[in-house]
């Protein structure tokens, strides 16, 4: 009995230690980015390990706020990124919800092939689709416009969102919808009042994936946008890299500012995810 209890405790300690190591490994780049943003240049360009800036310097953050990036305000790039990311989340969530409901609830020919095709699309590298999507965006007159980025990113994030959301829709018992039909609710009312609240946690999870993917997207934003005023934040960061030197302080300061909206979005959506899980459990 004592040996079994000891092994159980050792296993728990090993799992906790592994979790701490993974956490530290994942959080260290973020910590180093924030710490470097508050370091003066003499502490950045040194071989000495300086874990914390002493004293903290607001030089780089102030310069990013006042001078901007490449002659444009930092708020312009943040606004462009926010417009694209929020639009992709809203449009992608709507299409993903309808598509996932159709795949999970209706039987039609080639349904399995359609699901397999979604996985295949996810396996294709983004660079392989760059030329074809560039030609398509330019042909439809959306080149150098944020709407072009929105359309492309919706297409890139939609397969994963549909596949993931389909699991949540399939987990909802059909008897719940049938009970609503017996009570006199139509299909549209059943969809929005019964099915939608139950799959809301899955919709929030896919929205987080879509937002982070779009917010950090670089290659399409660089290729489909040619006007500096329409660039998103990931593209704006490249202006800190010169031919002979790199402004590491500016990069870290701008990257820190770029991370704040993502954290705010995640914290807001996380609360809604928890409330959605509780509501779904009660309604079920």
Protein backbone atom coordinates (compact mmCIF):
# COMPACT_ATOMS: atom_id res chain seq x y z
CA UNK A 1 0.00 0.00 0.00
CA UNK A 2 2.78 2.40 0.95
CA UNK A 3 4.75 1.54 -2.21
CA UNK A 4 1.71 2.17 -4.41
CA UNK A 5 1.03 5.49 -2.64
CA UNK A 6 4.67 6.50 -3.02
CA UNK A 7 4.66 5.68 -6.74
CA UNK A 8 1.45 7.65 -7.17
CA UNK A 9 2.95 10.67 -5.44
CA UNK A 10 6.17 10.41 -7.45
CA UNK A 11 4.15 10.20 -10.67
CA UNK A 12 2.18 13.28 -9.69
CA UNK A 13 5.38 15.16 -8.85
CA UNK A 14 6.91 14.14 -12.18
CA UNK A 15 3.83 15.32 -14.09
CA UNK A 16 3.79 18.64 -12.22
CA UNK A 17 7.50 19.11 -12.86
CA UNK A 18 7.03 18.37 -16.56
CA UNK A 19 4.15 20.86 -16.69
CA UNK A 20 6.29 23.55 -15.04
CA UNK A 21 9.14 22.92 -17.49
CA UNK A 22 6.81 23.17 -20.49
CA UNK A 23 5.28 26.36 -19.08
CA UNK A 24 8.68 27.97 -18.53
CA UNK A 25 9.85 26.91 -21.98
CA UNK A 26 6.74 28.48 -23.57
CA UNK A 27 6.68 31.67 -21.50
CA UNK A 28 10.41 32.51 -21.70
CA UNK A 29 10.30 34.08 -25.23
CA UNK A 30 7.37 36.29 -24.15
CA UNK A 31 9.19 37.32 -20.98
CA UNK A 32 12.38 38.09 -22.91
CA UNK A 33 10.43 40.15 -25.46
CA UNK A 34 8.82 42.30 -22.74
CA UNK A 35 12.07 42.62 -20.79
CA UNK A 36 14.00 43.69 -23.89
CA UNK A 37 11.34 46.31 -24.70
CA UNK A 38 12.21 48.06 -21.41
CA UNK A 39 16.00 47.73 -21.70
CA UNK A 40 18.24 50.58 -22.89
CA UNK A 41 20.45 49.88 -25.89
CA UNK A 42 23.59 49.26 -23.83
CA UNK A 43 21.81 46.40 -22.02
CA UNK A 44 20.39 44.95 -25.24
CA UNK A 45 23.69 44.84 -27.15
CA UNK A 46 25.76 43.06 -24.52
CA UNK A 47 27.00 39.54 -23.93
CA UNK A 48 26.15 39.78 -20.24
CA UNK A 49 22.94 38.06 -19.15
CA UNK A 50 20.60 40.73 -17.76
CA UNK A 51 17.28 39.12 -16.72
CA UNK A 52 15.60 42.40 -15.76
CA UNK A 53 16.19 45.93 -17.08
CA UNK A 54 17.86 48.06 -14.45
CA UNK A 55 16.59 50.69 -14.46
CA UNK A 56 13.60 50.19 -16.83
CA UNK A 57 13.69 52.39 -19.90
CA UNK A 58 10.62 53.63 -21.79
CA UNK A 59 12.74 54.92 -24.65
CA UNK A 60 11.70 52.32 -27.23
CA UNK A 61 8.00 52.31 -26.36
CA UNK A 62 7.87 56.12 -26.37
CA UNK A 63 9.64 56.22 -29.73
CA UNK A 64 7.21 53.71 -31.25
CA UNK A 65 4.25 55.70 -29.98
CA UNK A 66 5.53 59.12 -31.03
CA UNK A 67 7.44 58.44 -34.24
CA UNK A 68 5.46 55.42 -35.40
CA UNK A 69 6.81 52.98 -37.97
CA UNK A 70 7.93 53.96 -41.49
CA UNK A 71 6.21 57.33 -41.28
CA UNK A 72 2.84 55.98 -40.13
CA UNK A 73 1.34 55.87 -36.66
CA UNK A 74 1.50 52.56 -34.81
CA UNK A 75 -2.25 52.89 -34.24
CA UNK A 76 -2.85 52.72 -38.00
CA UNK A 77 -1.19 49.30 -38.23
CA UNK A 78 -3.00 48.06 -35.11
CA UNK A 79 -6.31 49.29 -36.53
CA UNK A 80 -5.70 47.49 -39.83
CA UNK A 81 -4.87 44.26 -38.00
CA UNK A 82 -7.96 44.62 -35.80
CA UNK A 83 -10.25 45.25 -38.77
CA UNK A 84 -8.97 42.18 -40.61
CA UNK A 85 -8.93 39.88 -37.56
CA UNK A 86 -12.38 40.84 -36.25
CA UNK A 87 -13.93 40.59 -39.72
CA UNK A 88 -12.43 37.13 -40.22
CA UNK A 89 -13.74 36.00 -36.82
CA UNK A 90 -17.29 37.23 -37.46
CA UNK A 91 -17.60 36.06 -41.08
CA UNK A 92 -15.70 32.81 -40.48
CA UNK A 93 -17.76 31.92 -37.42
CA UNK A 94 -21.01 32.42 -39.32
CA UNK A 95 -19.95 30.28 -42.28
CA UNK A 96 -18.35 27.65 -40.04
CA UNK A 97 -21.49 27.31 -37.93
CA UNK A 98 -23.75 26.78 -40.95
CA UNK A 99 -21.30 24.42 -42.66
CA UNK A 100 -20.67 22.38 -39.51
CA UNK A 101 -24.39 22.04 -38.88
CA UNK A 102 -24.98 20.87 -42.43
CA UNK A 103 -22.18 18.30 -42.25
CA UNK A 104 -23.18 17.00 -38.82
CA UNK A 105 -26.96 16.96 -39.22
CA UNK A 106 -27.69 16.22 -42.90
CA UNK A 107 -26.75 13.22 -44.99
CA UNK A 108 -25.71 13.94 -48.54
CA UNK A 109 -23.49 12.39 -51.18
CA UNK A 110 -19.74 12.78 -50.81
CA UNK A 111 -20.06 14.00 -47.21
CA UNK A 112 -17.10 11.86 -46.13
CA UNK A 113 -15.11 13.05 -49.13
CA UNK A 114 -15.89 16.63 -48.16
CA UNK A 115 -14.56 16.08 -44.64
CA UNK A 116 -11.41 14.45 -45.95
CA UNK A 117 -10.98 17.35 -48.35
CA UNK A 118 -11.05 19.75 -45.39
CA UNK A 119 -8.13 17.90 -43.83
CA UNK A 120 -6.23 17.85 -47.12
CA UNK A 121 -6.64 21.61 -47.50
CA UNK A 122 -5.16 22.08 -44.03
CA UNK A 123 -2.10 20.06 -45.06
CA UNK A 124 -1.30 22.31 -48.03
CA UNK A 125 1.38 24.91 -47.13
CA UNK A 126 0.23 28.51 -47.32
CA UNK A 127 3.07 29.34 -49.71
CA UNK A 128 1.74 26.81 -52.23
CA UNK A 129 -1.53 28.74 -52.51
CA UNK A 130 0.07 32.17 -52.66
CA UNK A 131 0.24 32.61 -56.45
CA UNK A 132 -3.27 31.34 -57.13
CA UNK A 133 -4.81 33.44 -54.36
CA UNK A 134 -2.85 36.51 -55.49
CA UNK A 135 -4.20 36.09 -59.03
CA UNK A 136 -7.75 35.60 -57.74
CA UNK A 137 -7.63 38.63 -55.43
CA UNK A 138 -6.24 40.85 -58.18
CA UNK A 139 -8.80 39.64 -60.72
CA UNK A 140 -11.68 40.52 -58.39
CA UNK A 141 -10.28 43.99 -57.73
CA UNK A 142 -9.42 43.39 -54.07
CA UNK A 143 -5.64 43.83 -54.37
CA UNK A 144 -4.14 46.34 -51.91
CA UNK A 145 -7.38 46.37 -49.92
CA UNK A 146 -8.12 44.99 -46.47
CA UNK A 147 -11.18 43.19 -47.84
CA UNK A 148 -8.82 41.01 -49.87
CA UNK A 149 -6.99 39.95 -46.71
CA UNK A 150 -10.31 39.24 -45.02
CA UNK A 151 -11.49 36.97 -47.84
CA UNK A 152 -8.18 35.08 -48.00
CA UNK A 153 -7.92 34.57 -44.23
CA UNK A 154 -11.53 33.39 -44.02
CA UNK A 155 -10.69 30.78 -46.62
CA UNK A 156 -7.54 29.74 -44.77
CA UNK A 157 -9.15 29.38 -41.33
CA UNK A 158 -12.54 28.02 -42.41
CA UNK A 159 -11.56 24.33 -42.98
CA UNK A 160 -10.21 23.89 -39.45
CA UNK A 161 -13.13 25.81 -37.95
CA UNK A 162 -15.69 23.63 -39.77
CA UNK A 163 -13.93 20.42 -38.78
CA UNK A 164 -13.63 21.45 -35.13
CA UNK A 165 -17.14 22.89 -34.83
CA UNK A 166 -18.65 19.80 -36.46
CA UNK A 167 -17.67 17.79 -33.37
CA UNK A 168 -19.58 20.16 -31.09
CA UNK A 169 -22.68 20.06 -33.28
CA UNK A 170 -22.59 16.26 -33.51
CA UNK A 171 -22.35 16.04 -29.69
CA UNK A 172 -25.72 17.77 -29.26
CA UNK A 173 -28.44 15.06 -29.03
CA UNK A 174 -31.02 15.17 -31.77
CA UNK A 175 -33.71 14.65 -29.13
CA UNK A 176 -33.12 18.22 -27.91
CA UNK A 177 -34.01 19.62 -31.32
CA UNK A 178 -36.93 17.21 -31.72
CA UNK A 179 -38.33 18.36 -28.37
CA UNK A 180 -38.22 21.94 -29.59
CA UNK A 181 -40.05 20.95 -32.77
CA UNK A 182 -42.76 19.24 -30.72
CA UNK A 183 -43.16 22.44 -28.70
CA UNK A 184 -43.88 24.30 -31.94
CA UNK A 185 -40.52 25.86 -32.73
CA UNK A 186 -39.53 26.06 -36.37
CA UNK A 187 -36.16 25.05 -37.77
CA UNK A 188 -34.81 28.57 -37.65
CA UNK A 189 -35.94 29.11 -34.03
CA UNK A 190 -34.57 25.71 -33.03
CA UNK A 191 -31.25 26.51 -34.63
CA UNK A 192 -30.75 29.86 -32.88
CA UNK A 193 -32.45 29.18 -29.53
CA UNK A 194 -31.47 25.55 -28.93
CA UNK A 195 -28.51 24.48 -31.04
CA UNK A 196 -26.57 27.75 -31.06
CA UNK A 197 -26.29 28.14 -27.24
CA UNK A 198 -25.10 24.54 -26.93
CA UNK A 199 -22.34 24.87 -29.54
CA UNK A 200 -21.30 28.37 -28.41
CA UNK A 201 -18.21 27.08 -26.51
CA UNK A 202 -16.96 25.41 -29.70
CA UNK A 203 -17.67 28.57 -31.66
CA UNK A 204 -15.62 30.57 -29.17
CA UNK A 205 -12.73 28.10 -29.46
CA UNK A 206 -12.70 28.36 -33.26
CA UNK A 207 -12.92 32.15 -32.98
CA UNK A 208 -9.79 32.20 -30.83
CA UNK A 209 -7.96 30.11 -33.42
CA UNK A 210 -9.13 32.35 -36.27
CA UNK A 211 -8.25 35.56 -34.44
CA UNK A 212 -4.73 34.51 -33.46
CA UNK A 213 -4.00 33.02 -36.90
CA UNK A 214 -5.17 36.15 -38.71
CA UNK A 215 -3.53 38.54 -36.26
CA UNK A 216 -0.11 36.91 -36.76
CA UNK A 217 -0.42 36.27 -40.52
CA UNK A 218 2.48 37.77 -42.47
CA UNK A 219 3.05 36.30 -45.94
CA UNK A 220 -0.37 37.14 -47.43
CA UNK A 221 -0.47 40.58 -45.80
CA UNK A 222 2.91 41.34 -47.36
CA UNK A 223 1.97 40.01 -50.81
CA UNK A 224 -1.60 41.29 -51.17
CA UNK A 225 -0.95 44.80 -49.77
CA UNK A 226 1.37 47.31 -51.42
CA UNK A 227 0.43 50.57 -49.67
CA UNK A 228 2.22 51.10 -46.36
CA UNK A 229 -0.84 52.68 -44.81
CA UNK A 230 -2.77 49.41 -45.32
CA UNK A 231 -0.12 47.14 -43.79
CA UNK A 232 -0.92 45.08 -40.72
CA UNK A 233 1.30 44.89 -37.63
CA UNK A 234 3.32 41.77 -38.62
CA UNK A 235 4.33 43.48 -41.86
CA UNK A 236 5.07 46.76 -40.09
CA UNK A 237 7.64 45.01 -37.88
CA UNK A 238 9.89 44.38 -40.87
CA UNK A 239 10.63 48.12 -41.12
CA UNK A 240 12.73 47.85 -37.95
CA UNK A 241 15.16 45.61 -39.85
CA UNK A 242 17.65 47.56 -41.95
CA UNK A 243 20.40 46.54 -44.33
CA UNK A 244 23.17 47.14 -41.81
CA UNK A 245 21.47 47.07 -38.42
CA UNK A 246 18.33 45.91 -36.63
CA UNK A 247 16.41 48.00 -34.13
CA UNK A 248 15.82 45.24 -31.60
CA UNK A 249 14.45 47.64 -29.03
CA UNK A 250 11.83 48.92 -31.47
CA UNK A 251 10.92 45.40 -32.59
CA UNK A 252 10.42 44.20 -29.02
CA UNK A 253 8.46 47.32 -28.04
CA UNK A 254 6.15 47.06 -31.07
CA UNK A 255 5.77 43.29 -30.56
CA UNK A 256 4.80 43.85 -26.93
CA UNK A 257 2.15 46.36 -27.99
CA UNK A 258 0.98 43.91 -30.65
CA UNK A 259 0.51 41.17 -28.01
CA UNK A 260 -1.75 43.23 -25.74
CA UNK A 261 -4.90 43.13 -27.98
CA UNK A 262 -4.55 39.35 -28.29
CA UNK A 263 -4.41 38.95 -24.51
CA UNK A 264 -7.42 41.23 -24.05
CA UNK A 265 -9.40 39.33 -26.69
CA UNK A 266 -8.52 35.98 -25.13
CA UNK A 267 -9.48 37.08 -21.61
CA UNK A 268 -12.83 38.46 -22.78
CA UNK A 269 -13.65 35.40 -24.85
CA UNK A 270 -12.47 33.01 -22.13
CA UNK A 271 -15.13 34.33 -19.77
CA UNK A 272 -17.78 33.85 -22.42
CA UNK A 273 -16.47 30.34 -23.02
CA UNK A 274 -16.95 29.42 -19.36
CA UNK A 275 -20.44 30.95 -19.26
CA UNK A 276 -21.29 29.14 -22.49
CA UNK A 277 -20.22 25.81 -21.04
CA UNK A 278 -22.37 26.34 -17.96
CA UNK A 279 -25.36 27.49 -20.05
CA UNK A 280 -24.97 24.52 -22.36
CA UNK A 281 -24.88 22.11 -19.43
CA UNK A 282 -28.05 23.62 -17.97
CA UNK A 283 -29.93 23.68 -21.28
CA UNK A 284 -28.86 20.12 -22.08
